[in-house]
């Protein structure tokens, strides 16, 4: 019998059930290989060798500091959700109401402090910088808690609660005044029964550049606005050189930030996700550590035994 016919006959003698079982085993094996690991020792080995670490953070990293997210069920300020206030249209229609909302958020944040996750990131950056290694934090948060914790290399892709931008001259400035203007003192209460303050535009925060006096707005990226192209370029450069990426406290559903880590993973760089639960991007990553970031992150970023401290 010719060899080709023998092979053909042999293939025909394999039962469909055997084929299905083999395919099932192969599929199960591939799933097990693809499933993100929660082995901290394995992650620590990768961490010990990394030279350029990018850490992408979202609202979850600040949740343990008691920062309200205005997302999901109950995520209201008075009777509005954030997306109804955080837009150019809302500001054009009612700048007083929008400023009340942001004044409330600023005042709340002035009383909040970094939690163990923020501190672990800042201490890791400081320690690794002495070893010729770099850490960059790319955050979607506008609360400045990373800055408070001591993070130096920080890219705030959505802006900051504590920066303003003039709608007239475009000047961007840091602003930590409390209240940000006299007319907003005591305003911004989140209770649904609270009436709008209806502050005249001329009494809202004004630009202090010589001769401008234009109306200020929060320097944050609102719904319907594009991200700062300069910051995006800086982010892209960091993601291109990183050899380890951490995704911390983000739902991975807000674009374009949701694509940052999957793009890094696609080029073979290890990505570790630290989040309360799995996200739409979890299966693309090498590691997934469920639980509060303030609990999972400090041991992950602590000094590795191979580190040499001068």
Protein backbone atom coordinates (compact mmCIF):
# COMPACT_ATOMS: atom_id res chain seq x y z
CA UNK A 1 0.00 0.00 0.00
CA UNK A 2 1.44 3.40 -0.94
CA UNK A 3 2.52 5.50 2.07
CA UNK A 4 0.17 8.36 1.14
CA UNK A 5 -2.79 5.99 1.08
CA UNK A 6 -1.70 4.50 4.41
CA UNK A 7 -1.62 7.93 5.99
CA UNK A 8 -5.03 8.70 4.50
CA UNK A 9 -6.44 5.41 5.78
CA UNK A 10 -4.94 6.03 9.21
CA UNK A 11 -6.55 9.43 9.37
CA UNK A 12 -9.91 7.94 8.46
CA UNK A 13 -9.62 5.34 11.21
CA UNK A 14 -9.50 8.05 13.93
CA UNK A 15 -12.99 8.37 15.36
CA UNK A 16 -14.77 11.77 15.43
CA UNK A 17 -15.05 11.41 19.22
CA UNK A 18 -11.26 11.11 19.53
CA UNK A 19 -10.79 14.14 17.34
CA UNK A 20 -13.24 16.14 19.43
CA UNK A 21 -11.52 15.06 22.65
CA UNK A 22 -8.11 16.02 21.28
CA UNK A 23 -9.44 19.38 20.10
CA UNK A 24 -11.03 19.95 23.50
CA UNK A 25 -7.74 19.19 25.30
CA UNK A 26 -5.86 21.54 22.97
CA UNK A 27 -8.44 24.30 23.49
CA UNK A 28 -8.32 23.84 27.28
CA UNK A 29 -4.51 23.96 27.22
CA UNK A 30 -4.50 27.14 25.15
CA UNK A 31 -6.99 28.74 27.53
CA UNK A 32 -4.82 27.81 30.51
CA UNK A 33 -1.78 29.24 28.79
CA UNK A 34 -3.66 32.42 27.87
CA UNK A 35 -5.27 32.97 31.28
CA UNK A 36 -3.53 35.79 33.19
CA UNK A 37 -1.42 34.63 36.11
CA UNK A 38 -1.90 35.79 39.70
CA UNK A 39 1.48 34.45 40.78
CA UNK A 40 3.16 37.30 42.60
CA UNK A 41 6.57 35.58 42.67
CA UNK A 42 6.54 35.34 38.88
CA UNK A 43 5.57 39.01 38.60
CA UNK A 44 8.35 40.00 40.99
CA UNK A 45 10.92 38.26 38.80
CA UNK A 46 9.75 40.30 35.80
CA UNK A 47 9.68 43.47 37.92
CA UNK A 48 13.26 42.91 39.10
CA UNK A 49 14.55 42.93 35.52
CA UNK A 50 12.49 45.86 34.19
CA UNK A 51 14.34 49.08 33.29
CA UNK A 52 11.44 51.27 32.08
CA UNK A 53 8.16 50.74 33.92
CA UNK A 54 4.94 52.43 32.78
CA UNK A 55 2.08 52.55 35.30
CA UNK A 56 -1.38 53.44 33.95
CA UNK A 57 -3.84 54.44 36.67
CA UNK A 58 -7.56 55.11 36.84
CA UNK A 59 -10.25 55.97 39.37
CA UNK A 60 -9.80 52.70 41.28
CA UNK A 61 -6.40 53.76 42.60
CA UNK A 62 -8.03 56.74 44.35
CA UNK A 63 -11.15 54.94 45.59
CA UNK A 64 -9.45 53.96 48.84
CA UNK A 65 -8.71 57.63 49.49
CA UNK A 66 -12.46 58.25 49.53
CA UNK A 67 -12.57 60.09 46.21
CA UNK A 68 -16.09 60.13 44.72
CA UNK A 69 -16.11 58.90 41.10
CA UNK A 70 -19.60 60.11 39.99
CA UNK A 71 -19.84 56.89 37.98
CA UNK A 72 -22.42 54.13 37.99
CA UNK A 73 -25.42 53.81 40.30
CA UNK A 74 -25.69 56.70 42.71
CA UNK A 75 -22.99 58.64 40.87
CA UNK A 76 -24.90 61.91 40.96
CA UNK A 77 -24.10 65.46 41.99
CA UNK A 78 -27.47 66.94 42.90
CA UNK A 79 -29.64 65.47 40.10
CA UNK A 80 -26.97 65.34 37.41
CA UNK A 81 -24.43 62.76 36.41
CA UNK A 82 -20.89 63.87 35.61
CA UNK A 83 -21.29 63.62 31.84
CA UNK A 84 -24.20 66.09 32.03
CA UNK A 85 -21.91 68.69 33.62
CA UNK A 86 -18.46 67.85 32.25
CA UNK A 87 -18.93 69.08 28.71
CA UNK A 88 -18.30 72.28 26.72
CA UNK A 89 -22.05 72.54 26.05
CA UNK A 90 -22.93 72.38 29.73
CA UNK A 91 -20.36 75.08 30.53
CA UNK A 92 -21.65 77.31 27.74
CA UNK A 93 -25.24 76.93 28.97
CA UNK A 94 -24.61 77.26 32.69
CA UNK A 95 -21.04 78.08 33.74
CA UNK A 96 -22.18 78.79 37.31
CA UNK A 97 -23.58 75.27 37.79
CA UNK A 98 -20.49 73.65 36.27
CA UNK A 99 -18.20 75.73 38.46
CA UNK A 100 -20.24 74.76 41.55
CA UNK A 101 -19.70 71.10 40.63
CA UNK A 102 -15.94 71.54 40.19
CA UNK A 103 -15.63 73.77 43.26
CA UNK A 104 -17.25 70.97 45.31
CA UNK A 105 -14.81 68.43 43.86
CA UNK A 106 -11.80 70.69 44.52
CA UNK A 107 -12.84 71.26 48.15
CA UNK A 108 -13.38 67.52 48.68
CA UNK A 109 -9.97 66.72 47.22
CA UNK A 110 -8.20 69.22 49.46
CA UNK A 111 -9.23 67.00 52.39
CA UNK A 112 -8.12 63.70 50.80
CA UNK A 113 -4.74 62.03 51.08
CA UNK A 114 -2.76 59.49 49.05
CA UNK A 115 -3.38 55.88 50.01
CA UNK A 116 -0.85 53.00 50.15
CA UNK A 117 -1.14 52.44 46.36
CA UNK A 118 -0.15 56.04 45.53
CA UNK A 119 2.67 55.91 48.07
CA UNK A 120 3.97 52.55 46.81
CA UNK A 121 4.17 53.95 43.26
CA UNK A 122 5.98 57.14 44.36
CA UNK A 123 8.44 55.26 46.57
CA UNK A 124 9.14 52.77 43.78
CA UNK A 125 9.90 55.61 41.34
CA UNK A 126 12.26 57.27 43.82
CA UNK A 127 14.06 54.02 44.64
CA UNK A 128 14.47 52.80 41.06
CA UNK A 129 15.70 56.19 39.85
CA UNK A 130 18.82 55.65 42.00
CA UNK A 131 19.42 52.40 40.10
CA UNK A 132 19.25 53.99 36.65
CA UNK A 133 15.72 52.64 36.12
CA UNK A 134 12.64 54.73 35.33
CA UNK A 135 8.99 54.76 36.34
CA UNK A 136 6.37 56.90 34.60
CA UNK A 137 2.80 57.28 35.82
CA UNK A 138 0.17 57.83 33.14
CA UNK A 139 -3.03 58.72 34.95
CA UNK A 140 -6.61 59.31 33.91
CA UNK A 141 -7.27 60.87 37.31
CA UNK A 142 -7.58 64.61 37.84
CA UNK A 143 -7.24 64.52 41.65
CA UNK A 144 -3.44 65.09 41.89
CA UNK A 145 -3.06 62.39 44.57
CA UNK A 146 -0.08 60.95 42.68
CA UNK A 147 1.57 64.37 42.88
CA UNK A 148 0.75 64.61 46.60
CA UNK A 149 2.34 61.19 47.14
CA UNK A 150 5.58 62.40 45.58
CA UNK A 151 5.40 61.06 42.02
CA UNK A 152 7.65 63.18 39.77
CA UNK A 153 7.35 61.63 36.30
CA UNK A 154 3.61 62.13 35.84
CA UNK A 155 1.46 62.45 32.72
CA UNK A 156 -2.10 63.61 33.54
CA UNK A 157 -3.95 62.77 30.34
CA UNK A 158 -7.29 64.19 31.52
CA UNK A 159 -5.89 67.34 33.16
CA UNK A 160 -6.18 68.44 36.79
CA UNK A 161 -8.81 69.80 39.15
CA UNK A 162 -6.18 72.24 40.35
CA UNK A 163 -5.41 73.86 37.02
CA UNK A 164 -7.49 76.40 35.16
CA UNK A 165 -7.59 77.48 31.54
CA UNK A 166 -8.73 80.86 30.32
CA UNK A 167 -11.53 80.72 27.74
CA UNK A 168 -10.25 84.04 26.34
CA UNK A 169 -6.43 83.93 26.20
CA UNK A 170 -5.92 80.18 26.74
CA UNK A 171 -3.48 80.57 29.63
CA UNK A 172 -3.17 77.47 31.81
CA UNK A 173 -2.25 77.99 35.46
CA UNK A 174 -2.07 75.99 38.69
CA UNK A 175 -4.70 77.13 41.17
CA UNK A 176 -5.05 75.82 44.72
CA UNK A 177 -7.18 78.65 46.11
CA UNK A 178 -9.93 77.66 48.52
CA UNK A 179 -12.46 78.84 47.54
CA UNK A 180 -11.29 79.48 43.99
CA UNK A 181 -13.27 82.77 44.04
CA UNK A 182 -15.31 84.56 46.76
CA UNK A 183 -18.67 83.93 45.05
CA UNK A 184 -18.21 80.14 45.29
CA UNK A 185 -17.53 80.15 49.05
CA UNK A 186 -19.93 77.72 50.69
CA UNK A 187 -21.44 76.71 47.34
CA UNK A 188 -21.50 73.40 45.50
CA UNK A 189 -23.36 71.23 48.02
CA UNK A 190 -24.22 67.91 46.32
CA UNK A 191 -27.64 67.44 47.95
CA UNK A 192 -30.39 66.99 45.29
CA UNK A 193 -32.56 69.62 46.99
CA UNK A 194 -29.89 72.32 46.75
CA UNK A 195 -30.80 75.22 44.47
CA UNK A 196 -28.35 76.46 41.84
CA UNK A 197 -26.37 79.45 43.08
CA UNK A 198 -26.83 81.19 39.70
CA UNK A 199 -23.60 83.16 40.10
CA UNK A 200 -23.16 85.92 37.47
CA UNK A 201 -20.37 85.19 34.97
CA UNK A 202 -18.41 88.25 36.07
CA UNK A 203 -18.23 86.79 39.61
CA UNK A 204 -16.96 83.37 38.53
CA UNK A 205 -13.19 82.64 38.41
CA UNK A 206 -11.46 85.19 36.18
CA UNK A 207 -8.11 85.15 34.36
CA UNK A 208 -5.39 87.09 36.20
CA UNK A 209 -3.17 87.64 33.16
CA UNK A 210 -2.60 91.37 32.53
CA UNK A 211 -5.64 92.96 30.92
CA UNK A 212 -7.46 89.69 30.20
CA UNK A 213 -10.13 89.03 32.87
CA UNK A 214 -11.53 86.20 30.74
CA UNK A 215 -13.72 83.49 32.24
CA UNK A 216 -11.70 80.56 33.56
CA UNK A 217 -12.72 76.94 33.14
CA UNK A 218 -11.31 73.82 34.79
CA UNK A 219 -8.29 72.52 32.86
CA UNK A 220 -9.74 69.04 32.45
CA UNK A 221 -10.71 67.07 29.37
CA UNK A 222 -14.48 67.10 29.07
CA UNK A 223 -16.75 64.67 27.26
CA UNK A 224 -16.59 65.44 23.55
CA UNK A 225 -13.10 66.97 23.77
CA UNK A 226 -9.85 65.48 22.49
CA UNK A 227 -6.81 64.79 24.61
CA UNK A 228 -3.85 67.17 24.50
CA UNK A 229 -1.77 65.99 21.50
CA UNK A 230 1.50 66.87 23.26
CA UNK A 231 0.61 64.68 26.24
CA UNK A 232 -0.51 61.87 23.93
CA UNK A 233 2.82 62.05 22.10
CA UNK A 234 4.66 61.84 25.43
CA UNK A 235 2.53 58.84 26.42
CA UNK A 236 3.26 57.07 23.15
CA UNK A 237 7.00 57.57 23.61
CA UNK A 238 6.88 56.10 27.12
CA UNK A 239 4.81 53.10 26.02
CA UNK A 240 7.22 52.42 23.16
CA UNK A 241 10.23 52.07 25.49
CA UNK A 242 8.62 50.41 28.51
CA UNK A 243 9.57 46.82 29.26
CA UNK A 244 6.90 46.35 31.94
CA UNK A 245 3.45 47.92 32.17
CA UNK A 246 1.09 48.03 35.14
CA UNK A 247 -2.61 48.85 34.80
CA UNK A 248 -3.93 49.97 38.16
CA UNK A 249 -7.55 50.66 39.12
CA UNK A 250 -8.94 51.25 35.66
CA UNK A 251 -11.95 49.68 34.00
CA UNK A 252 -10.24 49.70 30.59
CA UNK A 253 -13.37 51.07 28.89
CA UNK A 254 -12.50 54.77 28.46
CA UNK A 255 -10.73 55.42 25.17
CA UNK A 256 -8.07 56.10 24.07
CA UNK A 257 -6.54 55.16 27.44
CA UNK A 258 -8.20 51.72 27.27
CA UNK A 259 -5.95 50.83 24.33
CA UNK A 260 -2.63 51.82 25.91
CA UNK A 261 -1.91 48.57 27.78
CA UNK A 262 -3.30 46.18 25.12
CA UNK A 263 -1.00 47.84 22.58
CA UNK A 264 1.97 47.31 24.89
CA UNK A 265 0.95 43.69 25.44
CA UNK A 266 0.61 43.14 21.68
CA UNK A 267 4.33 43.78 21.23
CA UNK A 268 5.19 41.13 23.79
CA UNK A 269 5.79 43.33 26.84
CA UNK A 270 4.47 41.90 30.14
CA UNK A 271 1.39 43.74 31.44
CA UNK A 272 0.08 43.32 34.99
CA UNK A 273 -3.43 44.41 35.91
CA UNK A 274 -4.30 45.39 39.49
CA UNK A 275 -8.03 45.88 39.81
CA UNK A 276 -10.99 44.92 41.99
CA UNK A 277 -12.35 42.74 39.20
CA UNK A 278 -11.59 41.54 35.70
CA UNK A 279 -12.02 44.02 32.83
CA UNK A 280 -12.64 43.66 29.09
CA UNK A 281 -8.86 43.76 28.60
CA UNK A 282 -7.84 41.27 31.33
CA UNK A 283 -7.36 38.29 29.00
CA UNK A 284 -4.81 40.24 26.97
CA UNK A 285 -2.47 40.61 29.94
CA UNK A 286 0.14 38.31 31.48
CA UNK A 287 -0.83 39.03 35.08
CA UNK A 288 -4.02 39.93 36.93
CA UNK A 289 -4.13 40.67 40.66
CA UNK A 290 -7.69 41.13 41.99
CA UNK A 291 -8.43 43.16 45.10
CA UNK A 292 -7.98 46.68 46.45
CA UNK A 293 -4.94 48.40 44.89
CA UNK A 294 -3.81 49.64 48.29
CA UNK A 295 -3.43 46.00 49.35
CA UNK A 296 -2.10 44.35 46.18
CA UNK A 297 0.28 47.02 44.89
CA UNK A 298 2.68 47.70 47.81
CA UNK A 299 4.09 44.14 47.94
CA UNK A 300 4.30 44.07 44.14
CA UNK A 301 6.45 47.22 44.02
CA UNK A 302 8.48 46.69 47.18
CA UNK A 303 12.27 46.37 46.95
CA UNK A 304 13.29 43.13 45.29
CA UNK A 305 16.06 41.10 46.91
CA UNK A 306 18.26 41.56 43.83
CA UNK A 307 18.13 45.36 44.04
CA UNK A 308 21.35 47.05 45.04
CA UNK A 309 20.74 50.13 47.16
CA UNK A 310 23.62 52.57 47.21
